[in-house]
Amino acid sequence: MSAGGAGAAGNAADGSGVQTVPVIAIDGPTASGKGTIAQRVAEALGWHYLDSGALYRIAALAALRAGRDLDDGAGLAALAAGLAPRFEGGRIALGDDDVTDAIRAEAVGEAASRIAVHPPLRAALVGLQRAAARAPGLVADGRDMGTVIFPGAVLKVYLTASARARATRRHKQLIEKGFSANLADLLRDLEARDARDTQRADAPLRPAEGALVLDSTPLTIDETVAAVLDAYRREAGA
């Protein structure tokens, strides 16, 4: 998320619910590359960026540290409502603790996927996400950006890739960051997250109506970014 954070006053919609700030919503499964692509698109357009998954990871980290029951949706929602994360200079702080790296641990990602199925928790985070839409525009990545959070987005993208390609990418990322990782375990966990995300009752992971479905398996990062920018320019009539 860009400087200013999710709590900044937003103007995503007017009183009628019509989108007043342009939003590009990029959804997709775990390790599809949506975060990298969304950041690059935001930089190219000079827009703000929202990593909605970071909010769920922050809530998951807080829950794990507090020893909370990950199946207690109401309790997790109450915990999330009291969090005040700060997004500054590419770092994420929770209280006095820099949690930028901590929330990227696989255990936290797994916990985030587990708690994301709870409607009370999802509802608690909706306002934080929508408040990130500020002029001149926002690129938001997540799992329900186009279907739930920003249904009026000017462009909706569903970014995917094969499970093995995504597992291989995640394995490379973790190794580069100094974490130990097993490719077979990552693939198994990723497939389990996919099943959980697509089968949950509240806001299941799926392409939004009218979304551009983009399979990045054979594409480079630059090619994927270019495809999203080209799609936006067509939608915007630029």
Protein backbone atom coordinates (compact mmCIF):
# COMPACT_ATOMS: atom_id res chain seq x y z
CA MET A 1 0.00 0.00 0.00
CA SER A 2 1.24 3.44 -0.81
CA ALA A 3 2.31 5.96 1.80
CA GLY A 4 -0.70 7.23 3.65
CA GLY A 5 -1.96 3.76 4.45
CA ALA A 6 -5.33 2.12 4.37
CA GLY A 7 -6.70 4.41 7.02
CA ALA A 8 -6.35 7.56 4.92
CA ALA A 9 -9.58 9.25 3.95
CA GLY A 10 -10.67 7.86 0.62
CA ASN A 11 -13.04 8.95 -2.10
CA ALA A 12 -13.61 5.66 -3.82
CA ALA A 13 -17.28 6.31 -4.38
CA ASP A 14 -19.82 9.09 -4.12
CA GLY A 15 -23.09 8.82 -2.23
CA SER A 16 -24.69 6.80 -5.01
CA GLY A 17 -21.96 4.16 -4.84
CA VAL A 18 -20.56 5.17 -8.23
CA GLN A 19 -16.79 4.84 -8.49
CA THR A 20 -15.22 8.33 -8.54
CA VAL A 21 -11.54 7.36 -8.36
CA PRO A 22 -10.28 5.00 -11.08
CA VAL A 23 -9.35 1.58 -9.72
CA ILE A 24 -7.65 -1.36 -11.39
CA ALA A 25 -8.52 -4.52 -9.47
CA ILE A 26 -6.14 -7.45 -9.86
CA ASP A 27 -7.27 -10.71 -8.28
CA GLY A 28 -5.78 -14.15 -8.42
CA PRO A 29 -4.64 -17.19 -6.46
CA THR A 30 -1.62 -17.47 -4.20
CA ALA A 31 1.74 -16.77 -5.88
CA SER A 32 0.16 -15.75 -9.18
CA GLY A 33 2.41 -12.68 -9.21
CA LYS A 34 -0.46 -10.25 -8.70
CA GLY A 35 1.43 -8.21 -6.09
CA THR A 36 4.45 -7.65 -8.30
CA ILE A 37 2.27 -6.86 -11.31
CA ALA A 38 0.00 -4.51 -9.36
CA GLN A 39 2.97 -2.58 -7.97
CA ARG A 40 4.55 -2.23 -11.40
CA VAL A 41 1.27 -1.08 -12.97
CA ALA A 42 0.76 1.44 -10.16
CA GLU A 43 4.27 2.80 -10.66
CA ALA A 44 3.73 3.11 -14.42
CA LEU A 45 0.52 5.08 -13.92
CA GLY A 46 1.67 7.11 -10.92
CA TRP A 47 -1.18 5.65 -8.83
CA HIS A 48 -1.47 4.33 -5.29
CA TYR A 49 -1.14 0.62 -4.56
CA LEU A 50 -3.10 -1.60 -2.18
CA ASP A 51 -1.83 -5.01 -1.11
CA SER A 52 -5.05 -6.28 0.45
CA GLY A 53 -3.42 -9.59 1.31
CA ALA A 54 -1.06 -7.76 3.66
CA LEU A 55 -4.03 -6.79 5.83
CA TYR A 56 -5.07 -10.43 6.19
CA ARG A 57 -1.48 -11.43 6.89
CA ILE A 58 -1.21 -8.70 9.54
CA ALA A 59 -4.40 -9.95 11.17
CA ALA A 60 -3.09 -13.53 10.99
CA LEU A 61 0.25 -12.56 12.53
CA ALA A 62 -1.51 -10.71 15.35
CA ALA A 63 -3.75 -13.72 15.95
CA LEU A 64 -0.83 -16.15 16.03
CA ARG A 65 1.15 -13.94 18.40
CA ALA A 66 -1.86 -13.56 20.68
CA GLY A 67 -2.60 -17.27 20.62
CA ARG A 68 -6.09 -16.70 19.20
CA ASP A 69 -8.29 -19.47 17.83
CA LEU A 70 -8.08 -19.23 14.04
CA ASP A 71 -11.61 -20.65 13.77
CA ASP A 72 -13.17 -17.92 15.94
CA GLY A 73 -14.41 -15.50 13.29
CA ALA A 74 -16.00 -13.03 15.72
CA GLY A 75 -12.92 -12.94 17.93
CA LEU A 76 -10.63 -12.46 14.96
CA ALA A 77 -12.83 -9.62 13.67
CA ALA A 78 -12.61 -7.88 17.05
CA LEU A 79 -8.83 -8.30 17.02
CA ALA A 80 -8.54 -6.95 13.45
CA ALA A 81 -10.74 -3.94 14.26
CA GLY A 82 -8.23 -2.86 16.89
CA LEU A 83 -5.18 -3.07 14.62
CA ALA A 84 -3.63 0.09 13.23
CA PRO A 85 -0.92 -0.95 10.75
CA ARG A 86 1.21 1.75 9.17
CA PHE A 87 2.54 1.53 5.62
CA GLU A 88 5.55 3.78 5.24
CA GLY A 89 8.39 3.75 2.74
CA GLY A 90 7.70 0.21 1.66
CA ARG A 91 7.74 -1.06 5.24
CA ILE A 92 4.84 -2.19 7.43
CA ALA A 93 4.70 -1.40 11.13
CA LEU A 94 2.34 -2.76 13.74
CA GLY A 95 2.72 -0.75 16.90
CA ASP A 96 6.47 -0.42 17.43
CA ASP A 97 7.22 -3.61 15.50
CA ASP A 98 8.33 -3.72 11.86
CA VAL A 99 6.41 -6.73 10.52
CA THR A 100 7.31 -6.37 6.83
CA ASP A 101 9.21 -9.64 6.72
CA ALA A 102 7.32 -11.45 9.47
CA ILE A 103 4.01 -11.39 7.58
CA ARG A 104 5.62 -13.09 4.57
CA ALA A 105 6.49 -16.26 6.47
CA GLU A 106 4.71 -19.33 5.08
CA ALA A 107 3.07 -20.08 8.45
CA VAL A 108 1.53 -16.61 8.44
CA GLY A 109 0.36 -16.99 4.85
CA GLU A 110 -1.25 -20.30 5.72
CA ALA A 111 -2.97 -18.72 8.74
CA ALA A 112 -4.13 -15.78 6.61
CA SER A 113 -5.78 -18.18 4.18
CA ARG A 114 -7.51 -19.93 7.08
CA ILE A 115 -8.90 -16.81 8.71
CA ALA A 116 -9.95 -15.23 5.41
CA VAL A 117 -12.91 -17.63 5.25
CA HIS A 118 -14.65 -15.88 8.18
CA PRO A 119 -17.30 -13.31 7.09
CA PRO A 120 -16.95 -11.21 10.29
CA LEU A 121 -13.22 -10.76 9.69
CA ARG A 122 -13.71 -9.92 6.03
CA ALA A 123 -16.35 -7.35 6.96
CA ALA A 124 -14.00 -5.79 9.51
CA LEU A 125 -11.40 -5.15 6.80
CA VAL A 126 -13.68 -3.85 4.03
CA GLY A 127 -13.56 -0.20 5.12
CA LEU A 128 -9.77 -0.21 5.41
CA GLN A 129 -9.46 -1.50 1.87
CA ARG A 130 -11.95 0.88 0.28
CA ALA A 131 -10.38 3.86 2.01
CA ALA A 132 -7.18 3.22 0.03
CA ALA A 133 -8.80 4.52 -3.19
CA ARG A 134 -7.46 8.05 -3.52
CA ALA A 135 -6.72 10.30 -6.47
CA PRO A 136 -5.24 9.99 -8.99
CA GLY A 137 -6.10 6.26 -8.87
CA LEU A 138 -5.50 2.92 -7.18
CA VAL A 139 -4.23 -0.47 -8.27
CA ALA A 140 -5.47 -3.07 -5.78
CA ASP A 141 -4.49 -6.71 -5.62
CA GLY A 142 -6.14 -9.49 -3.69
CA ARG A 143 -8.77 -12.18 -4.03
CA ASP A 144 -12.01 -10.20 -4.03
CA MET A 145 -10.99 -6.74 -5.21
CA GLY A 146 -13.09 -6.88 -8.38
CA THR A 147 -15.94 -9.00 -7.03
CA VAL A 148 -16.57 -7.35 -3.64
CA ILE A 149 -14.34 -4.43 -2.65
CA PHE A 150 -14.24 -2.42 -5.89
CA PRO A 151 -17.07 -3.73 -8.11
CA GLY A 152 -16.96 -0.45 -10.02
CA ALA A 153 -13.29 -0.81 -10.98
CA VAL A 154 -12.49 0.56 -14.42
CA LEU A 155 -10.51 -2.63 -15.13
CA LYS A 156 -10.76 -6.02 -13.45
CA VAL A 157 -8.01 -8.55 -14.01
CA TYR A 158 -7.90 -12.17 -12.90
CA LEU A 159 -4.24 -13.15 -12.94
CA THR A 160 -3.42 -16.82 -12.76
CA ALA A 161 -0.72 -19.36 -13.61
CA SER A 162 -0.34 -23.11 -13.30
CA ALA A 163 0.00 -24.46 -9.76
CA ARG A 164 3.50 -25.74 -10.44
CA ALA A 165 4.64 -22.44 -11.93
CA ARG A 166 3.29 -20.59 -8.91
CA ALA A 167 4.92 -22.99 -6.46
CA THR A 168 8.24 -22.64 -8.29
CA ARG A 169 8.00 -18.84 -8.15
CA ARG A 170 7.21 -18.88 -4.42
CA HIS A 171 10.07 -21.31 -3.78
CA LYS A 172 12.50 -18.98 -5.57
CA GLN A 173 11.23 -15.96 -3.61
CA LEU A 174 11.62 -17.68 -0.27
CA ILE A 175 15.12 -18.97 -1.04
CA GLU A 176 16.20 -15.50 -2.18
CA LYS A 177 14.93 -14.07 1.12
CA GLY A 178 16.89 -16.62 3.12
CA PHE A 179 13.96 -18.84 4.12
CA SER A 180 14.20 -22.62 3.86
CA ALA A 181 11.55 -24.08 1.58
CA ASN A 182 10.61 -27.41 0.01
CA LEU A 183 9.04 -27.23 -3.44
CA ALA A 184 6.81 -30.29 -2.95
CA ASP A 185 5.50 -28.93 0.35
CA LEU A 186 4.88 -25.52 -1.21
CA LEU A 187 2.93 -27.06 -4.08
CA ARG A 188 0.78 -29.09 -1.68
CA ASP A 189 0.11 -26.06 0.56
CA LEU A 190 -0.65 -23.88 -2.45
CA GLU A 191 -3.19 -26.34 -3.79
CA ALA A 192 -4.82 -26.52 -0.36
CA ARG A 193 -5.05 -22.71 -0.24
CA ASP A 194 -6.54 -22.63 -3.72
CA ALA A 195 -9.24 -25.08 -2.64
CA ARG A 196 -9.98 -23.09 0.52
CA ASP A 197 -10.10 -19.75 -1.31
CA THR A 198 -12.32 -20.94 -4.15
CA GLN A 199 -14.71 -22.95 -1.99
CA ARG A 200 -15.34 -20.53 0.90
CA ALA A 201 -18.91 -19.34 1.26
CA ASP A 202 -18.07 -15.65 1.61
CA ALA A 203 -16.40 -13.88 -1.36
CA PRO A 204 -14.89 -16.99 -2.98
CA LEU A 205 -11.93 -16.50 -5.27
CA ARG A 206 -13.20 -16.28 -8.85
CA PRO A 207 -12.89 -13.94 -11.84
CA ALA A 208 -15.12 -10.87 -11.53
CA GLU A 209 -17.78 -10.40 -14.18
CA GLY A 210 -16.15 -8.89 -17.23
CA ALA A 211 -12.63 -9.47 -15.92
CA LEU A 212 -9.64 -9.95 -18.17
CA VAL A 213 -8.43 -13.47 -17.36
CA LEU A 214 -4.68 -13.46 -17.85
CA ASP A 215 -2.58 -16.63 -17.60
CA SER A 216 0.95 -15.49 -16.79
CA THR A 217 2.51 -18.97 -16.96
CA PRO A 218 4.26 -18.30 -20.30
CA LEU A 219 4.74 -14.55 -19.74
CA THR A 220 7.54 -12.50 -18.24
CA ILE A 221 6.78 -9.84 -15.65
CA ASP A 222 7.27 -7.11 -18.25
CA GLU A 223 4.92 -8.84 -20.69
CA THR A 224 2.26 -9.26 -18.00
CA VAL A 225 2.52 -5.61 -16.92
CA ALA A 226 2.26 -4.52 -20.55
CA ALA A 227 -0.87 -6.64 -21.05
CA VAL A 228 -2.57 -5.03 -18.03
CA LEU A 229 -1.59 -1.50 -19.09
CA ASP A 230 -2.80 -2.12 -22.65
CA ALA A 231 -6.13 -3.41 -21.30
CA TYR A 232 -6.49 -0.34 -19.06
CA ARG A 233 -5.78 2.05 -21.92
CA ARG A 234 -8.40 0.33 -24.03
CA GLU A 235 -10.95 0.58 -21.22
CA ALA A 236 -10.07 4.21 -20.51
CA GLY A 237 -10.15 5.07 -24.20
CA ALA A 238 -6.61 6.43 -24.04
